[in-house]
C-alpha atoms as a PDB file:
ATOM      1  CA  PHE A   1      29.237 -76.445  50.071  1.00  0.00           C
ATOM      2  CA  PRO A   2      31.845 -74.314  48.213  1.00  0.00           C
ATOM      3  CA  ASN A   3      34.968 -73.589  50.079  1.00  0.00           C
ATOM      4  CA  LEU A   4      33.859 -70.433  52.238  1.00  0.00           C
ATOM      5  CA  GLU A   5      37.617 -69.707  53.008  1.00  0.00           C
ATOM      6  CA  THR A   6      38.518 -68.713  49.547  1.00  0.00           C
ATOM      7  CA  ILE A   7      35.874 -65.621  50.015  1.00  0.00           C
ATOM      8  CA  ARG A   8      37.625 -62.470  50.049  1.00  0.00           C
ATOM      9  CA  LEU A   9      37.865 -60.548  53.452  1.00  0.00           C
ATOM     10  CA  PRO A  10      36.867 -57.185  53.684  1.00  0.00           C
ATOM     11  CA  GLU A  11      39.689 -54.418  54.177  1.00  0.00           C
ATOM     12  CA  TYR A  12      39.475 -52.147  57.051  1.00  0.00           C
ATOM     13  CA  ASP A  13      41.716 -49.440  58.086  1.00  0.00           C
ATOM     14  CA  GLY A  14      40.886 -48.747  61.629  1.00  0.00           C
ATOM     15  CA  GLY A  15      42.899 -45.067  61.944  1.00  0.00           C
ATOM     16  CA  CYS A  16      45.702 -46.537  64.241  1.00  0.00           C
ATOM     17  CA  GLN A  17      49.231 -45.886  63.134  1.00  0.00           C
ATOM     18  CA  GLU A  18      51.274 -49.140  62.186  1.00  0.00           C
ATOM     19  CA  SER A  19      48.747 -51.425  63.468  1.00  0.00           C
ATOM     20  CA  ASN A  20      48.403 -55.358  62.370  1.00  0.00           C
ATOM     21  CA  VAL A  21      44.838 -55.969  61.670  1.00  0.00           C
ATOM     22  CA  TYR A  22      43.105 -59.204  63.250  1.00  0.00           C
ATOM     23  CA  THR A  23      40.218 -60.644  61.452  1.00  0.00           C
ATOM     24  CA  ASN A  24      37.720 -63.428  62.355  1.00  0.00           C
ATOM     25  CA  PHE A  25      34.362 -64.655  61.261  1.00  0.00           C
ATOM     26  CA  THR A  26      31.520 -66.534  62.335  1.00  0.00           C
ATOM     27  CA  ASP A  27      28.843 -68.160  60.004  1.00  0.00           C
ATOM     28  CA  GLU A  28      25.431 -69.231  60.296  1.00  0.00           C
ATOM     29  CA  THR A  29      23.603 -71.302  57.750  1.00  0.00           C
ATOM     30  CA  ALA A  30      19.898 -71.736  57.030  1.00  0.00           C
ATOM     31  CA  PHE A  31      18.529 -74.235  54.574  1.00  0.00           C
ATOM     32  CA  ASP A  32      15.289 -73.076  52.802  1.00  0.00           C
ATOM     33  CA  ASN A  33      13.227 -76.003  51.359  1.00  0.00           C
ATOM     34  CA  ILE A  34      11.158 -73.795  49.432  1.00  0.00           C
ATOM     35  CA  LYS A  35      13.631 -71.913  47.569  1.00  0.00           C
ATOM     36  CA  CYS A  36      16.189 -75.077  47.615  1.00  0.00           C
ATOM     37  CA  GLU A  37      19.001 -72.936  48.792  1.00  0.00           C
ATOM     38  CA  THR A  38      21.180 -72.573  51.677  1.00  0.00           C
ATOM     39  CA  THR A  39      22.137 -68.913  53.011  1.00  0.00           C
ATOM     40  CA  VAL A  40      25.361 -68.587  54.901  1.00  0.00           C
ATOM     41  CA  THR A  41      25.581 -65.068  57.000  1.00  0.00           C
ATOM     42  CA  ARG A  42      29.033 -64.614  57.414  1.00  0.00           C
ATOM     43  CA  THR A  43      29.848 -61.767  60.087  1.00  0.00           C
ATOM     44  CA  TYR A  44      33.267 -60.349  60.291  1.00  0.00           C
ATOM     45  CA  THR A  45      35.080 -58.593  63.286  1.00  0.00           C
ATOM     46  CA  ILE A  46      38.241 -56.851  62.170  1.00  0.00           C
ATOM     47  CA  THR A  47      40.211 -55.463  65.181  1.00  0.00           C
ATOM     48  CA  PRO A  48      43.599 -53.421  64.847  1.00  0.00           C
ATOM     49  CA  SER A  49      46.114 -54.710  67.477  1.00  0.00           C
ATOM     50  CA  SER A  50      46.820 -51.273  68.895  1.00  0.00           C
ATOM     51  CA  CYS A  51      43.321 -49.953  69.023  1.00  0.00           C
ATOM     52  CA  ARG A  52      41.415 -52.881  70.220  1.00  0.00           C
ATOM     53  CA  ASP A  53      38.383 -50.307  70.918  1.00  0.00           C
ATOM     54  CA  HIS A  54      38.235 -49.514  67.243  1.00  0.00           C
ATOM     55  CA  PHE A  55      36.803 -52.785  65.825  1.00  0.00           C
ATOM     56  CA  LYS A  56      34.352 -52.995  62.905  1.00  0.00           C
ATOM     57  CA  THR A  57      31.976 -55.675  62.182  1.00  0.00           C
ATOM     58  CA  PHE A  58      30.811 -56.430  58.447  1.00  0.00           C
ATOM     59  CA  GLN A  59      28.106 -59.132  57.319  1.00  0.00           C
ATOM     60  CA  GLN A  60      28.200 -60.934  54.189  1.00  0.00           C
ATOM     61  CA  GLU A  61      25.375 -63.048  52.752  1.00  0.00           C
ATOM     62  CA  ILE A  62      26.150 -65.987  50.656  1.00  0.00           C
ATOM     63  CA  THR A  63      23.886 -67.979  48.607  1.00  0.00           C
ATOM     64  CA  ILE A  64      24.251 -71.622  47.660  1.00  0.00           C
ATOM     65  CA  VAL A  65      21.834 -72.915  45.247  1.00  0.00           C
ATOM     66  CA  HIS A  66      21.177 -76.735  45.311  1.00  0.00           C
ATOM     67  CA  ASP A  67      21.369 -78.251  41.911  1.00  0.00           C
ATOM     68  CA  LYS A  68      22.587 -81.767  42.407  1.00  0.00           C
ATOM     69  CA  PRO A  69      20.384 -84.874  42.348  1.00  0.00           C
ATOM     70  CA  PRO A  70      19.951 -87.436  45.104  1.00  0.00           C
ATOM     71  CA  ILE A  71      23.027 -89.664  45.507  1.00  0.00           C
ATOM     72  CA  TRP A  72      22.466 -93.528  45.558  1.00  0.00           C
ATOM     73  CA  ASP A  73      23.732 -95.472  48.641  1.00  0.00           C
ATOM     74  CA  ASN A  74      23.570 -99.326  49.548  1.00  0.00           C
ATOM     75  CA  PHE A  75      22.108 -99.954  46.155  1.00  0.00           C
ATOM     76  CA  PRO A  76      21.029-103.542  45.878  1.00  0.00           C
ATOM     77  CA  ALA A  77      22.822-105.876  43.344  1.00  0.00           C
ATOM     78  CA  ASP A  78      20.985-107.363  40.698  1.00  0.00           C
ATOM     79  CA  VAL A  79      19.608-110.815  41.447  1.00  0.00           C
ATOM     80  CA  THR A  80      18.245-114.072  40.281  1.00  0.00           C
ATOM     81  CA  VAL A  81      14.745-115.273  41.805  1.00  0.00           C
ATOM     82  CA  GLY A  82      12.853-118.635  41.698  1.00  0.00           C
ATOM     83  CA  VAL A  83       9.426-118.296  39.975  1.00  0.00           C
ATOM     84  CA  PHE A  84       7.485-118.837  43.261  1.00  0.00           C
ATOM     85  CA  ALA A  85       9.944-117.000  45.432  1.00  0.00           C
ATOM     86  CA  PRO A  86       8.947-113.522  46.530  1.00  0.00           C
ATOM     87  CA  TYR A  87      10.658-110.704  44.228  1.00  0.00           C
ATOM     88  CA  GLY A  88       9.440-107.581  45.976  1.00  0.00           C
ATOM     89  CA  PRO A  89      12.184-105.062  47.125  1.00  0.00           C
ATOM     90  CA  ASP A  90      11.685-106.766  50.740  1.00  0.00           C
ATOM     91  CA  ALA A  91      13.060-110.040  49.216  1.00  0.00           C
ATOM     92  CA  THR A  92      15.606-108.532  46.697  1.00  0.00           C
ATOM     93  CA  GLY A  93      16.708-105.298  48.791  1.00  0.00           C
ATOM     94  CA  PHE A  94      15.771-101.584  49.075  1.00  0.00           C
ATOM     95  CA  PRO A  95      18.206 -98.785  48.190  1.00  0.00           C
ATOM     96  CA  GLU A  96      19.110 -95.857  49.869  1.00  0.00           C
ATOM     97  CA  ALA A  97      19.902 -92.266  48.848  1.00  0.00           C
ATOM     98  CA  PHE A  98      20.651 -88.965  50.332  1.00  0.00           C
ATOM     99  CA  ALA A  99      20.618 -85.165  49.039  1.00  0.00           C
ATOM    100  CA  PRO A 100      24.145 -83.915  48.528  1.00  0.00           C
ATOM    101  CA  CYS A 101      23.075 -80.548  49.498  1.00  0.00           C
ATOM    102  CA  GLY A 102      21.524 -79.680  52.923  1.00  0.00           C
ATOM    103  CA  ASP A 103      19.562 -81.848  55.117  1.00  0.00           C
ATOM    104  CA  SER A 104      16.736 -82.501  52.443  1.00  0.00           C
ATOM    105  CA  PRO A 105      14.596 -85.636  52.782  1.00  0.00           C
ATOM    106  CA  VAL A 106      14.738 -88.036  50.012  1.00  0.00           C
ATOM    107  CA  LEU A 107      11.620 -90.091  48.699  1.00  0.00           C
ATOM    108  CA  ILE A 108      12.474 -93.433  47.040  1.00  0.00           C
ATOM    109  CA  ASP A 109       9.690 -95.059  44.973  1.00  0.00           C
ATOM    110  CA  PHE A 110       9.968 -97.493  42.173  1.00  0.00           C
ATOM    111  CA  ILE A 111       7.990 -99.253  39.226  1.00  0.00           C
ATOM    112  CA  ASP A 112       8.412-102.766  37.807  1.00  0.00           C
ATOM    113  CA  SER A 113       8.281-103.889  34.246  1.00  0.00           C
ATOM    114  CA  LEU A 114       8.710-107.552  32.875  1.00  0.00           C
ATOM    115  CA  GLU A 115      10.964-108.146  29.843  1.00  0.00           C
ATOM    116  CA  ASP A 116      11.769-111.160  27.848  1.00  0.00           C
ATOM    117  CA  GLY A 117      15.195-112.678  28.769  1.00  0.00           C
ATOM    118  CA  ASP A 118      17.760-114.213  26.273  1.00  0.00           C
ATOM    119  CA  CYS A 119      16.021-117.765  26.421  1.00  0.00           C
ATOM    120  CA  LEU A 120      12.288-118.525  25.367  1.00  0.00           C
ATOM    121  CA  ALA A 121      10.974-118.982  29.123  1.00  0.00           C
ATOM    122  CA  ASP A 122      13.260-116.290  30.866  1.00  0.00           C
ATOM    123  CA  THR A 123      11.452-113.362  32.175  1.00  0.00           C
ATOM    124  CA  ILE A 124      13.348-110.139  33.573  1.00  0.00           C
ATOM    125  CA  ILE A 125      12.049-107.853  36.037  1.00  0.00           C
ATOM    126  CA  ARG A 126      13.515-104.438  35.592  1.00  0.00           C
ATOM    127  CA  ARG A 127      12.842-102.232  38.715  1.00  0.00           C
ATOM    128  CA  LYS A 128      13.379 -98.618  38.132  1.00  0.00           C
ATOM    129  CA  PHE A 129      14.105 -97.023  41.348  1.00  0.00           C
ATOM    130  CA  ARG A 130      13.577 -93.148  41.519  1.00  0.00           C
ATOM    131  CA  ALA A 131      14.889 -90.873  44.572  1.00  0.00           C
ATOM    132  CA  VAL A 132      13.606 -87.420  44.466  1.00  0.00           C
ATOM    133  CA  ASP A 133      14.600 -84.813  47.203  1.00  0.00           C
ATOM    134  CA  SER A 134      12.279 -81.946  48.641  1.00  0.00           C
ATOM    135  CA  CYS A 135      13.598 -79.576  45.782  1.00  0.00           C
ATOM    136  CA  GLY A 136      12.369 -81.949  43.020  1.00  0.00           C
ATOM    137  CA  LYS A 137      15.710 -83.164  41.962  1.00  0.00           C
ATOM    138  CA  GLU A 138      15.580 -86.725  40.659  1.00  0.00           C
ATOM    139  CA  SER A 139      17.950 -89.799  40.082  1.00  0.00           C
ATOM    140  CA  PHE A 140      16.959 -92.815  38.619  1.00  0.00           C
ATOM    141  CA  ARG A 141      18.580 -96.385  38.767  1.00  0.00           C
ATOM    142  CA  ASP A 142      17.753-100.049  37.584  1.00  0.00           C
ATOM    143  CA  GLN A 143      17.730-103.346  39.480  1.00  0.00           C
ATOM    144  CA  VAL A 144      17.626-106.309  37.289  1.00  0.00           C
ATOM    145  CA  SER A 145      16.073-109.661  38.693  1.00  0.00           C
ATOM    146  CA  ASP A 146      16.043-112.911  36.473  1.00  0.00           C
ATOM    147  CA  LEU A 147      13.402-114.808  37.112  1.00  0.00           C
ATOM    148  CA  LEU A 148      14.101-118.567  36.761  1.00  0.00           C
ATOM    149  CA  PRO A 149      11.739-120.393  34.519  1.00  0.00           C
ATOM    150  CA  LEU A 150       9.218-123.130  35.741  1.00  0.00           C
ATOM    151  CA  PHE A 151      10.348-126.469  34.215  1.00  0.00           C
ATOM    152  CA  ILE A 152       8.192-129.271  34.205  1.00  0.00           C
ATOM    153  CA  VAL A 153       9.631-132.728  33.515  1.00  0.00           C
ATOM    154  CA  LEU A 154       7.426-135.150  31.665  1.00  0.00           C
ATOM    155  CA  GLY A 155       8.130-138.853  32.025  1.00  0.00           C
END
């Protein structure tokens, strides 16, 4: 959220002579999953100190557009797994992500690809995780798993 305290207050002359003016406000916020924005309805109450019955209220509507992708949290480290060991996310770790704007739910999915490692018998499993919020903003991050080669000793 932007700093809502920096938004200029409305001015009001209540018609009272040499009076201090007291201003306060309340905020109501609403998140719209379809438009991917938050609306803040700010209601100001302005009251002159010497004429308390001359208060005035104003409303201001502030729209905050959500344009930030999900942020990764608790992302699993790269790992090394044995050739016959399980290597799914249950074994190597599953990340968490959150939407930085509002309470938008975040869906996390992944796709695996196999790559040749540095040595002839090495294989790398590259797991590309994708986090997407309800506004369609995406964030990607890779986890790399080295798959230990199977050695056969002849003797």
